[in-house]
Amino acid sequence: MHRLFSRFRHDHRGAAAIEFALVATALFLLLMGTLEFALVQFASGVVENAATVAARYGITGDNYSEAGAFQKNAAGVNRQEFVSQTIRELSGGLMDGANVKISTQQFGSLGGANFSDPSGATENGGFGSGGQGVMYYITYEWELFTPLVGQFFPDGKVQLTSAVLVANEEFE
C-alpha cells in the first residue's frame, strides 16, 4: 500500500490538467460575474435614459396619441406605451417593455416637496397639470442570465429604478 502511494506521489503526469481545473473554475466564475455586472449596468443606463425620455415626453401636457404627433411617436401610442417601447428600443431587445412600471408623484410647486420619498407615487397616476412639479419613477426588474450569480439575489432578479424631477410647462 505504501508503495502504491509512493508511486503516485512521484508521478507528475496530469498535474497541469488538475491545476487548470482548479484555476479555470475560479476564472470562469469571475468572468460570468463580470459579464453579469456589465449587463446590469447596461440595463440601469437604459432605465435612466427611459426616465429622462418619459419626463421629456410628459412635460408638455399633450397626449401625443395621434400618429406622428411627436417626433418618435409614429405609432400614436400613449405615454406608458411610449416609454415601454423606448426601453425596448434602447436595450436592443434585451429588456421587455411590458415589465416597466412608471409611477408619478405630483407637487403643487417644486419648493418644499419631499422628492426622496416615493411613497406618494402612484402607478399610472397621471403626469400632472400645467406648472406642477412631477417626479417620474421608472422601475424595471432585470432577470439575471446566469443562475449561479442569480442565486445571490432574491428570485434571481435585480430591481433597477430611476427617478427624474421635472416642472411641467404652463398648459391647460
N, C-alpha and C. Protein backbone atom coordinates (compact mmCIF):
# COMPACT_ATOMS: atom_id res chain seq x y z
N MET A 1 0.82 -1.19 0.00
CA MET A 1 0.00 0.00 0.00
C MET A 1 0.87 1.26 0.00
N HIS A 2 1.88 1.25 0.83
CA HIS A 2 2.80 2.38 0.91
C HIS A 2 3.49 2.59 -0.44
N ARG A 3 3.80 1.51 -1.11
CA ARG A 3 4.49 1.57 -2.39
C ARG A 3 3.59 2.22 -3.47
N LEU A 4 2.28 1.91 -3.41
CA LEU A 4 1.34 2.47 -4.38
C LEU A 4 1.26 3.99 -4.25
N PHE A 5 1.12 4.49 -3.03
CA PHE A 5 1.06 5.94 -2.83
C PHE A 5 2.37 6.61 -3.19
N SER A 6 3.46 5.96 -2.92
CA SER A 6 4.77 6.50 -3.24
C SER A 6 4.91 6.66 -4.76
N ARG A 7 4.39 5.69 -5.49
CA ARG A 7 4.47 5.75 -6.95
C ARG A 7 3.66 6.94 -7.49
N PHE A 8 2.47 7.16 -6.96
CA PHE A 8 1.63 8.27 -7.42
C PHE A 8 2.19 9.63 -6.99
N ARG A 9 2.82 9.66 -5.85
CA ARG A 9 3.37 10.91 -5.34
C ARG A 9 4.49 11.43 -6.24
N HIS A 10 5.23 10.57 -6.84
CA HIS A 10 6.34 10.99 -7.70
C HIS A 10 5.95 11.10 -9.17
N ASP A 11 4.73 10.73 -9.52
CA ASP A 11 4.27 10.81 -10.90
C ASP A 11 3.61 12.18 -11.12
N HIS A 12 4.16 13.02 -11.98
CA HIS A 12 3.65 14.38 -12.19
C HIS A 12 2.82 14.51 -13.46
N ARG A 13 2.56 13.41 -14.14
CA ARG A 13 1.72 13.48 -15.33
C ARG A 13 0.29 13.85 -14.92
N GLY A 14 -0.32 14.74 -15.64
CA GLY A 14 -1.69 15.16 -15.35
C GLY A 14 -1.79 16.29 -14.34
N ALA A 15 -0.66 16.73 -13.80
CA ALA A 15 -0.69 17.81 -12.80
C ALA A 15 -1.22 19.11 -13.42
N ALA A 16 -0.83 19.35 -14.65
CA ALA A 16 -1.28 20.59 -15.32
C ALA A 16 -2.79 20.57 -15.51
N ALA A 17 -3.36 19.43 -15.83
CA ALA A 17 -4.81 19.33 -16.02
C ALA A 17 -5.55 19.60 -14.71
N ILE A 18 -5.03 19.08 -13.63
CA ILE A 18 -5.66 19.31 -12.32
C ILE A 18 -5.52 20.78 -11.91
N GLU A 19 -4.36 21.35 -12.12
CA GLU A 19 -4.17 22.77 -11.80
C GLU A 19 -5.08 23.64 -12.66
N PHE A 20 -5.21 23.30 -13.94
CA PHE A 20 -6.10 24.05 -14.82
C PHE A 20 -7.55 23.95 -14.33
N ALA A 21 -7.97 22.77 -13.92
CA ALA A 21 -9.35 22.59 -13.45
C ALA A 21 -9.62 23.45 -12.22
N LEU A 22 -8.65 23.56 -11.34
CA LEU A 22 -8.84 24.36 -10.13
C LEU A 22 -8.85 25.86 -10.46
N VAL A 23 -7.96 26.30 -11.31
CA VAL A 23 -7.87 27.71 -11.65
C VAL A 23 -9.00 28.13 -12.59
N ALA A 24 -9.34 27.27 -13.55
CA ALA A 24 -10.37 27.61 -14.54
C ALA A 24 -11.73 27.82 -13.89
N THR A 25 -12.04 27.05 -12.87
CA THR A 25 -13.32 27.21 -12.19
C THR A 25 -13.46 28.62 -11.63
N ALA A 26 -12.44 29.08 -10.93
CA ALA A 26 -12.46 30.43 -10.37
C ALA A 26 -12.47 31.47 -11.49
N LEU A 27 -11.71 31.23 -12.54
CA LEU A 27 -11.66 32.17 -13.66
C LEU A 27 -13.02 32.29 -14.35
N PHE A 28 -13.69 31.18 -14.59
CA PHE A 28 -15.00 31.22 -15.24
C PHE A 28 -16.04 31.88 -14.35
N LEU A 29 -15.99 31.65 -13.05
CA LEU A 29 -16.91 32.32 -12.12
C LEU A 29 -16.69 33.83 -12.15
N LEU A 30 -15.45 34.25 -12.15
CA LEU A 30 -15.12 35.67 -12.21
C LEU A 30 -15.58 36.27 -13.53
N LEU A 31 -15.38 35.56 -14.62
CA LEU A 31 -15.80 36.03 -15.93
C LEU A 31 -17.32 36.16 -16.02
N MET A 32 -18.05 35.16 -15.52
CA MET A 32 -19.52 35.22 -15.54
C MET A 32 -20.03 36.37 -14.68
N GLY A 33 -19.44 36.55 -13.52
CA GLY A 33 -19.85 37.65 -12.63
C GLY A 33 -19.59 39.01 -13.26
N THR A 34 -18.45 39.15 -13.93
CA THR A 34 -18.12 40.41 -14.60
C THR A 34 -19.10 40.69 -15.74
N LEU A 35 -19.40 39.68 -16.52
CA LEU A 35 -20.35 39.83 -17.62
C LEU A 35 -21.74 40.19 -17.10
N GLU A 36 -22.18 39.53 -16.05
CA GLU A 36 -23.50 39.81 -15.46
C GLU A 36 -23.54 41.23 -14.91
N PHE A 37 -22.48 41.65 -14.24
CA PHE A 37 -22.41 43.02 -13.71
C PHE A 37 -22.49 44.04 -14.84
N ALA A 38 -21.79 43.78 -15.95
CA ALA A 38 -21.82 44.69 -17.09
C ALA A 38 -23.23 44.77 -17.68
N LEU A 39 -23.94 43.66 -17.76
CA LEU A 39 -25.31 43.67 -18.28
C LEU A 39 -26.25 44.45 -17.37
N VAL A 40 -26.08 44.30 -16.06
CA VAL A 40 -26.92 45.04 -15.11
C VAL A 40 -26.64 46.54 -15.23
N GLN A 41 -25.38 46.91 -15.40
CA GLN A 41 -25.05 48.33 -15.57
C GLN A 41 -25.63 48.88 -16.87
N PHE A 42 -25.60 48.08 -17.93
CA PHE A 42 -26.20 48.48 -19.20
C PHE A 42 -27.70 48.71 -19.02
N ALA A 43 -28.37 47.75 -18.37
CA ALA A 43 -29.82 47.86 -18.15
C ALA A 43 -30.14 49.07 -17.28
N SER A 44 -29.29 49.34 -16.30
CA SER A 44 -29.50 50.50 -15.44
C SER A 44 -29.41 51.80 -16.25
N GLY A 45 -28.47 51.86 -17.17
CA GLY A 45 -28.34 53.03 -18.04
C GLY A 45 -29.56 53.21 -18.93
N VAL A 46 -30.11 52.10 -19.42
CA VAL A 46 -31.31 52.16 -20.25
C VAL A 46 -32.48 52.70 -19.44
N VAL A 47 -32.63 52.24 -18.20
CA VAL A 47 -33.72 52.71 -17.35
C VAL A 47 -33.55 54.21 -17.05
N GLU A 48 -32.32 54.63 -16.79
CA GLU A 48 -32.05 56.06 -16.56
C GLU A 48 -32.47 56.89 -17.78
N ASN A 49 -32.07 56.43 -18.94
CA ASN A 49 -32.40 57.15 -20.17
C ASN A 49 -33.91 57.16 -20.41
N ALA A 50 -34.56 56.04 -20.13
CA ALA A 50 -36.02 55.96 -20.31
C ALA A 50 -36.74 56.92 -19.38
N ALA A 51 -36.23 57.09 -18.17
CA ALA A 51 -36.85 58.04 -17.24
C ALA A 51 -36.75 59.47 -17.79
N THR A 52 -35.62 59.79 -18.37
CA THR A 52 -35.44 61.11 -18.97
C THR A 52 -36.38 61.29 -20.16
N VAL A 53 -36.49 60.25 -20.99
CA VAL A 53 -37.39 60.32 -22.14
C VAL A 53 -38.84 60.48 -21.68
N ALA A 54 -39.23 59.73 -20.64
CA ALA A 54 -40.59 59.83 -20.12
C ALA A 54 -40.87 61.24 -19.62
N ALA A 55 -39.92 61.81 -18.91
CA ALA A 55 -40.11 63.15 -18.37
C ALA A 55 -40.21 64.18 -19.50
N ARG A 56 -39.34 64.07 -20.49
CA ARG A 56 -39.39 65.00 -21.62
C ARG A 56 -40.71 64.86 -22.38
N TYR A 57 -41.20 63.65 -22.43
CA TYR A 57 -42.44 63.36 -23.14
C TYR A 57 -43.65 63.91 -22.40
N GLY A 58 -43.56 63.93 -21.06
CA GLY A 58 -44.72 64.31 -20.26
C GLY A 58 -44.85 65.78 -19.92
N ILE A 59 -43.78 66.56 -20.02
CA ILE A 59 -43.84 67.94 -19.52
C ILE A 59 -44.68 68.88 -20.36
N THR A 60 -44.96 68.51 -21.60
CA THR A 60 -45.71 69.43 -22.47
C THR A 60 -47.21 69.37 -22.24
N GLY A 61 -47.71 68.28 -21.68
CA GLY A 61 -49.13 68.16 -21.42
C GLY A 61 -49.93 67.57 -22.56
N ASP A 62 -49.33 67.45 -23.73
CA ASP A 62 -50.04 66.83 -24.85
C ASP A 62 -50.12 65.33 -24.64
N ASN A 63 -51.16 64.73 -25.20
CA ASN A 63 -51.32 63.29 -25.08
C ASN A 63 -50.49 62.55 -26.12
N TYR A 64 -50.23 63.20 -27.23
CA TYR A 64 -49.43 62.61 -28.30
C TYR A 64 -49.98 61.27 -28.77
N SER A 65 -51.29 61.08 -28.68
CA SER A 65 -51.84 59.78 -29.05
C SER A 65 -52.07 59.66 -30.56
N GLU A 66 -51.97 60.75 -31.28
CA GLU A 66 -52.13 60.67 -32.72
C GLU A 66 -50.80 60.30 -33.35
N ALA A 67 -50.86 59.45 -34.37
CA ALA A 67 -49.63 59.04 -35.04
C ALA A 67 -48.91 60.25 -35.61
N GLY A 68 -47.60 60.32 -35.37
CA GLY A 68 -46.79 61.41 -35.89
C GLY A 68 -46.88 62.68 -35.09
N ALA A 69 -47.62 62.70 -33.96
CA ALA A 69 -47.76 63.91 -33.16
C ALA A 69 -46.46 64.26 -32.44
N PHE A 70 -45.62 63.31 -32.20
CA PHE A 70 -44.35 63.52 -31.53
C PHE A 70 -43.29 62.89 -32.42
N GLN A 71 -42.10 63.47 -32.46
CA GLN A 71 -41.10 63.02 -33.43
C GLN A 71 -40.80 61.53 -33.35
N LYS A 72 -40.86 60.91 -32.17
CA LYS A 72 -40.60 59.48 -32.06
C LYS A 72 -41.86 58.65 -31.95
N ASN A 73 -43.00 59.30 -31.77
CA ASN A 73 -44.24 58.58 -31.54
C ASN A 73 -44.99 58.37 -32.85
N ALA A 74 -44.38 57.66 -33.76
CA ALA A 74 -45.00 57.45 -35.07
C ALA A 74 -46.20 56.52 -34.98
N ALA A 75 -46.24 55.67 -33.95
CA ALA A 75 -47.32 54.70 -33.84
C ALA A 75 -48.55 55.28 -33.17
N GLY A 76 -48.45 56.45 -32.57
CA GLY A 76 -49.59 57.06 -31.90
C GLY A 76 -49.98 56.36 -30.62
N VAL A 77 -48.99 56.05 -29.76
CA VAL A 77 -49.27 55.35 -28.51
C VAL A 77 -49.31 56.35 -27.36
N ASN A 78 -49.88 55.91 -26.22
CA ASN A 78 -49.93 56.80 -25.06
C ASN A 78 -48.57 56.84 -24.35
N ARG A 79 -48.48 57.65 -23.29
CA ARG A 79 -47.19 57.83 -22.61
C ARG A 79 -46.61 56.52 -22.07
N GLN A 80 -47.44 55.74 -21.38
CA GLN A 80 -46.97 54.47 -20.79
C GLN A 80 -46.41 53.55 -21.87
N GLU A 81 -47.15 53.40 -22.95
CA GLU A 81 -46.70 52.53 -24.04
C GLU A 81 -45.46 53.11 -24.72
N PHE A 82 -45.39 54.44 -24.81
CA PHE A 82 -44.25 55.07 -25.45
C PHE A 82 -42.97 54.80 -24.67
N VAL A 83 -43.02 54.92 -23.34
CA VAL A 83 -41.83 54.67 -22.53
C VAL A 83 -41.44 53.19 -22.60
N SER A 84 -42.42 52.29 -22.56
CA SER A 84 -42.12 50.86 -22.68
C SER A 84 -41.47 50.56 -24.03
N GLN A 85 -41.99 51.17 -25.06
CA GLN A 85 -41.44 50.99 -26.41
C GLN A 85 -40.01 51.55 -26.48
N THR A 86 -39.78 52.69 -25.83
CA THR A 86 -38.46 53.30 -25.81
C THR A 86 -37.45 52.40 -25.11
N ILE A 87 -37.86 51.79 -24.00
CA ILE A 87 -36.96 50.88 -23.29
C ILE A 87 -36.59 49.69 -24.18
N ARG A 88 -37.57 49.14 -24.87
CA ARG A 88 -37.26 48.03 -25.79
C ARG A 88 -36.26 48.46 -26.85
N GLU A 89 -36.47 49.64 -27.41
CA GLU A 89 -35.59 50.13 -28.47
C GLU A 89 -34.19 50.41 -27.95
N LEU A 90 -34.09 51.08 -26.81
CA LEU A 90 -32.79 51.45 -26.26
C LEU A 90 -31.98 50.23 -25.84
N SER A 91 -32.65 49.16 -25.44
CA SER A 91 -31.93 47.97 -24.97
C SER A 91 -31.58 47.01 -26.09
N GLY A 92 -31.97 47.32 -27.29
CA GLY A 92 -31.69 46.41 -28.39
C GLY A 92 -32.43 45.10 -28.26
N GLY A 93 -33.56 45.11 -27.57
CA GLY A 93 -34.37 43.91 -27.41
C GLY A 93 -34.02 43.08 -26.19
N LEU A 94 -33.02 43.48 -25.40
CA LEU A 94 -32.66 42.72 -24.20
C LEU A 94 -33.66 42.87 -23.07
N MET A 95 -34.39 43.98 -23.07
CA MET A 95 -35.33 44.24 -21.99
C MET A 95 -36.75 44.21 -22.53
N ASP A 96 -37.64 43.67 -21.73
CA ASP A 96 -39.05 43.57 -22.10
C ASP A 96 -39.78 44.80 -21.58
N GLY A 97 -40.30 45.59 -22.49
CA GLY A 97 -41.00 46.82 -22.11
C GLY A 97 -42.25 46.57 -21.29
N ALA A 98 -42.80 45.35 -21.36
CA ALA A 98 -44.01 45.04 -20.59
C ALA A 98 -43.72 44.99 -19.09
N ASN A 99 -42.45 44.84 -18.70
CA ASN A 99 -42.09 44.77 -17.28
C ASN A 99 -41.76 46.14 -16.69
N VAL A 100 -41.97 47.19 -17.45
CA VAL A 100 -41.67 48.55 -16.98
C VAL A 100 -42.83 49.06 -16.14
N LYS A 101 -42.50 49.64 -15.00
CA LYS A 101 -43.50 50.28 -14.15
C LYS A 101 -43.17 51.76 -14.08
N ILE A 102 -44.14 52.59 -14.40
CA ILE A 102 -43.97 54.04 -14.33
C ILE A 102 -44.89 54.56 -13.24
N SER A 103 -44.30 55.19 -12.26
CA SER A 103 -45.07 55.83 -11.19
C SER A 103 -44.75 57.31 -11.22
N THR A 104 -45.73 58.10 -10.85
CA THR A 104 -45.51 59.54 -10.81
C THR A 104 -46.03 60.11 -9.50
N GLN A 105 -45.46 61.21 -9.14
CA GLN A 105 -45.89 61.93 -7.95
C GLN A 105 -45.94 63.41 -8.33
N GLN A 106 -47.09 64.05 -8.09
CA GLN A 106 -47.25 65.46 -8.47
C GLN A 106 -47.09 66.35 -7.24
N PHE A 107 -46.53 67.53 -7.49
CA PHE A 107 -46.34 68.53 -6.44
C PHE A 107 -46.90 69.85 -6.95
N GLY A 108 -47.51 70.62 -6.04
CA GLY A 108 -48.04 71.93 -6.42
C GLY A 108 -46.94 72.84 -6.92
N SER A 109 -45.79 72.75 -6.28
CA SER A 109 -44.62 73.51 -6.72
C SER A 109 -43.39 72.69 -6.34
N LEU A 110 -42.27 73.05 -6.89
CA LEU A 110 -41.06 72.29 -6.60
C LEU A 110 -40.46 72.65 -5.24
N GLY A 111 -40.81 73.80 -4.70
CA GLY A 111 -40.26 74.23 -3.42
C GLY A 111 -40.90 73.48 -2.26
N GLY A 112 -40.08 72.95 -1.37
CA GLY A 112 -40.58 72.32 -0.15
C GLY A 112 -41.12 70.91 -0.31
N ALA A 113 -41.06 70.31 -1.47
CA ALA A 113 -41.56 68.95 -1.66
C ALA A 113 -40.50 67.94 -1.26
N ASN A 114 -40.94 66.79 -0.74
CA ASN A 114 -40.00 65.74 -0.35
C ASN A 114 -39.81 64.79 -1.53
N PHE A 115 -38.78 65.03 -2.31
CA PHE A 115 -38.56 64.27 -3.53
C PHE A 115 -37.97 62.89 -3.28
N SER A 116 -37.38 62.68 -2.13
CA SER A 116 -36.73 61.40 -1.87
C SER A 116 -37.70 60.36 -1.32
N ASP A 117 -38.95 60.71 -1.14
CA ASP A 117 -39.93 59.78 -0.59
C ASP A 117 -40.92 59.37 -1.67
N PRO A 118 -40.72 58.17 -2.27
CA PRO A 118 -41.61 57.74 -3.35
C PRO A 118 -42.92 57.12 -2.85
N SER A 119 -43.20 57.21 -1.54
CA SER A 119 -44.40 56.55 -1.01
C SER A 119 -45.69 57.17 -1.56
N GLY A 120 -45.64 58.42 -1.98
CA GLY A 120 -46.84 59.05 -2.51
C GLY A 120 -47.02 58.84 -4.01
N ALA A 121 -46.08 58.15 -4.63
CA ALA A 121 -46.16 57.93 -6.08
C ALA A 121 -47.19 56.86 -6.40
N THR A 122 -47.89 57.06 -7.49
CA THR A 122 -48.88 56.07 -7.91
C THR A 122 -48.62 55.66 -9.35
N GLU A 123 -48.80 54.38 -9.60
CA GLU A 123 -48.61 53.88 -10.95
C GLU A 123 -49.76 54.36 -11.82
N ASN A 124 -49.44 54.85 -12.99
CA ASN A 124 -50.42 55.43 -13.91
C ASN A 124 -51.21 56.53 -13.23
N GLY A 125 -50.53 57.27 -12.35
CA GLY A 125 -51.20 58.30 -11.56
C GLY A 125 -51.33 59.63 -12.26
N GLY A 126 -50.95 59.73 -13.49
CA GLY A 126 -51.06 60.98 -14.21
C GLY A 126 -49.73 61.68 -14.30
N PHE A 127 -49.70 62.68 -15.14
CA PHE A 127 -48.45 63.37 -15.41
C PHE A 127 -48.51 64.83 -14.99
N GLY A 128 -49.48 65.15 -14.14
CA GLY A 128 -49.57 66.49 -13.59
C GLY A 128 -50.20 67.48 -14.55
N SER A 129 -50.54 68.63 -14.00
CA SER A 129 -51.13 69.69 -14.82
C SER A 129 -50.07 70.76 -15.06
N GLY A 130 -50.45 71.79 -15.81
CA GLY A 130 -49.52 72.85 -16.17
C GLY A 130 -48.93 73.53 -14.95
N GLY A 131 -47.61 73.70 -14.96
CA GLY A 131 -46.92 74.38 -13.88
C GLY A 131 -46.60 73.51 -12.67
N GLN A 132 -47.15 72.31 -12.60
CA GLN A 132 -46.87 71.43 -11.48
C GLN A 132 -45.50 70.77 -11.62
N GLY A 133 -44.95 70.37 -10.48
CA GLY A 133 -43.75 69.56 -10.49
C GLY A 133 -44.17 68.09 -10.50
N VAL A 134 -43.45 67.29 -11.26
CA VAL A 134 -43.77 65.86 -11.35
C VAL A 134 -42.48 65.07 -11.20
N MET A 135 -42.54 64.08 -10.32
CA MET A 135 -41.42 63.16 -10.15
C MET A 135 -41.80 61.87 -10.86
N TYR A 136 -40.97 61.45 -11.80
CA TYR A 136 -41.18 60.20 -12.53
C TYR A 136 -40.29 59.12 -11.91
N TYR A 137 -40.88 57.99 -11.59
CA TYR A 137 -40.13 56.83 -11.10
C TYR A 137 -40.30 55.72 -12.12
N ILE A 138 -39.22 55.27 -12.70
CA ILE A 138 -39.25 54.16 -13.65
C ILE A 138 -38.59 52.98 -12.96
N THR A 139 -39.30 51.86 -12.89
CA THR A 139 -38.79 50.66 -12.24
C THR A 139 -38.83 49.50 -13.21
N TYR A 140 -37.76 48.71 -13.20
CA TYR A 140 -37.67 47.54 -14.08
C TYR A 140 -36.98 46.43 -13.30
N GLU A 141 -37.55 45.22 -13.36
CA GLU A 141 -36.91 44.07 -12.72
C GLU A 141 -36.10 43.32 -13.76
N TRP A 142 -34.78 43.38 -13.61
CA TRP A 142 -33.85 42.73 -14.53
C TRP A 142 -33.60 41.30 -14.05
N GLU A 143 -33.92 40.35 -14.90
CA GLU A 143 -33.67 38.95 -14.56
C GLU A 143 -32.24 38.59 -14.95
N LEU A 144 -31.49 38.09 -13.97
CA LEU A 144 -30.09 37.74 -14.22
C LEU A 144 -30.00 36.53 -15.14
N PHE A 145 -29.00 36.55 -16.03
CA PHE A 145 -28.84 35.49 -17.01
C PHE A 145 -28.20 34.23 -16.43
N THR A 146 -27.24 34.40 -15.57
CA THR A 146 -26.51 33.24 -15.04
C THR A 146 -27.10 32.80 -13.71
N PRO A 147 -27.58 31.57 -13.65
CA PRO A 147 -28.20 31.09 -12.42
C PRO A 147 -27.25 31.10 -11.22
N LEU A 148 -25.98 30.90 -11.48
CA LEU A 148 -25.01 30.88 -10.38
C LEU A 148 -24.93 32.24 -9.70
N VAL A 149 -24.92 33.31 -10.49
CA VAL A 149 -24.91 34.67 -9.93
C VAL A 149 -26.29 35.00 -9.39
N GLY A 150 -27.34 34.54 -10.07
CA GLY A 150 -28.71 34.82 -9.66
C GLY A 150 -29.09 34.29 -8.30
N GLN A 151 -28.41 33.25 -7.84
CA GLN A 151 -28.76 32.69 -6.54
C GLN A 151 -28.43 33.63 -5.38
N PHE A 152 -27.64 34.64 -5.64
CA PHE A 152 -27.29 35.60 -4.59
C PHE A 152 -28.29 36.76 -4.50
N PHE A 153 -29.29 36.76 -5.37
CA PHE A 153 -30.30 37.82 -5.40
C PHE A 153 -31.68 37.21 -5.23
N PRO A 154 -32.62 37.93 -4.59
CA PRO A 154 -33.97 37.39 -4.42
C PRO A 154 -34.62 37.11 -5.78
N ASP A 155 -35.10 35.92 -5.95
CA ASP A 155 -35.77 35.48 -7.18
C ASP A 155 -34.89 35.61 -8.42
N GLY A 156 -33.58 35.77 -8.24
CA GLY A 156 -32.68 35.90 -9.39
C GLY A 156 -32.89 37.17 -10.18
N LYS A 157 -33.40 38.22 -9.52
CA LYS A 157 -33.70 39.48 -10.20
C LYS A 157 -33.09 40.66 -9.45
N VAL A 158 -32.79 41.70 -10.21
CA VAL A 158 -32.30 42.96 -9.64
C VAL A 158 -33.30 44.04 -10.03
N GLN A 159 -33.74 44.81 -9.04
CA GLN A 159 -34.69 45.89 -9.33
C GLN A 159 -33.91 47.15 -9.67
N LEU A 160 -34.15 47.66 -10.86
CA LEU A 160 -33.49 48.88 -11.31
C LEU A 160 -34.51 50.02 -11.26
N THR A 161 -34.13 51.13 -10.66
CA THR A 161 -35.05 52.25 -10.50
C THR A 161 -34.35 53.54 -10.87
N SER A 162 -35.08 54.42 -11.49
CA SER A 162 -34.57 55.75 -11.80
C SER A 162 -35.67 56.76 -11.50
N ALA A 163 -35.27 57.93 -11.10
CA ALA A 163 -36.24 59.00 -10.81
C ALA A 163 -35.78 60.28 -11.47
N VAL A 164 -36.73 60.99 -12.05
CA VAL A 164 -36.44 62.28 -12.69
C VAL A 164 -37.50 63.28 -12.25
N LEU A 165 -37.06 64.44 -11.85
CA LEU A 165 -37.95 65.51 -11.43
C LEU A 165 -38.03 66.55 -12.52
N VAL A 166 -39.25 66.94 -12.89
CA VAL A 166 -39.43 67.97 -13.92
C VAL A 166 -40.50 68.95 -13.45
N ALA A 167 -40.47 70.11 -14.05
CA ALA A 167 -41.54 71.09 -13.86
C ALA A 167 -42.29 71.16 -15.18
N ASN A 168 -43.57 70.87 -15.14
CA ASN A 168 -44.37 70.91 -16.36
C ASN A 168 -44.43 72.32 -16.93
N GLU A 169 -44.52 72.37 -18.25
CA GLU A 169 -44.73 73.66 -18.89
C GLU A 169 -46.12 74.17 -18.52
N GLU A 170 -46.33 75.43 -18.69
CA GLU A 170 -47.65 76.00 -18.44
C GLU A 170 -48.59 75.60 -19.57
N PHE A 171 -49.56 74.77 -19.27
CA PHE A 171 -50.55 74.37 -20.26
C PHE A 171 -51.88 74.22 -19.56
N GLU A 172 -52.94 74.10 -20.33
CA GLU A 172 -54.28 73.98 -19.73
C GLU A 172 -54.71 72.56 -19.69
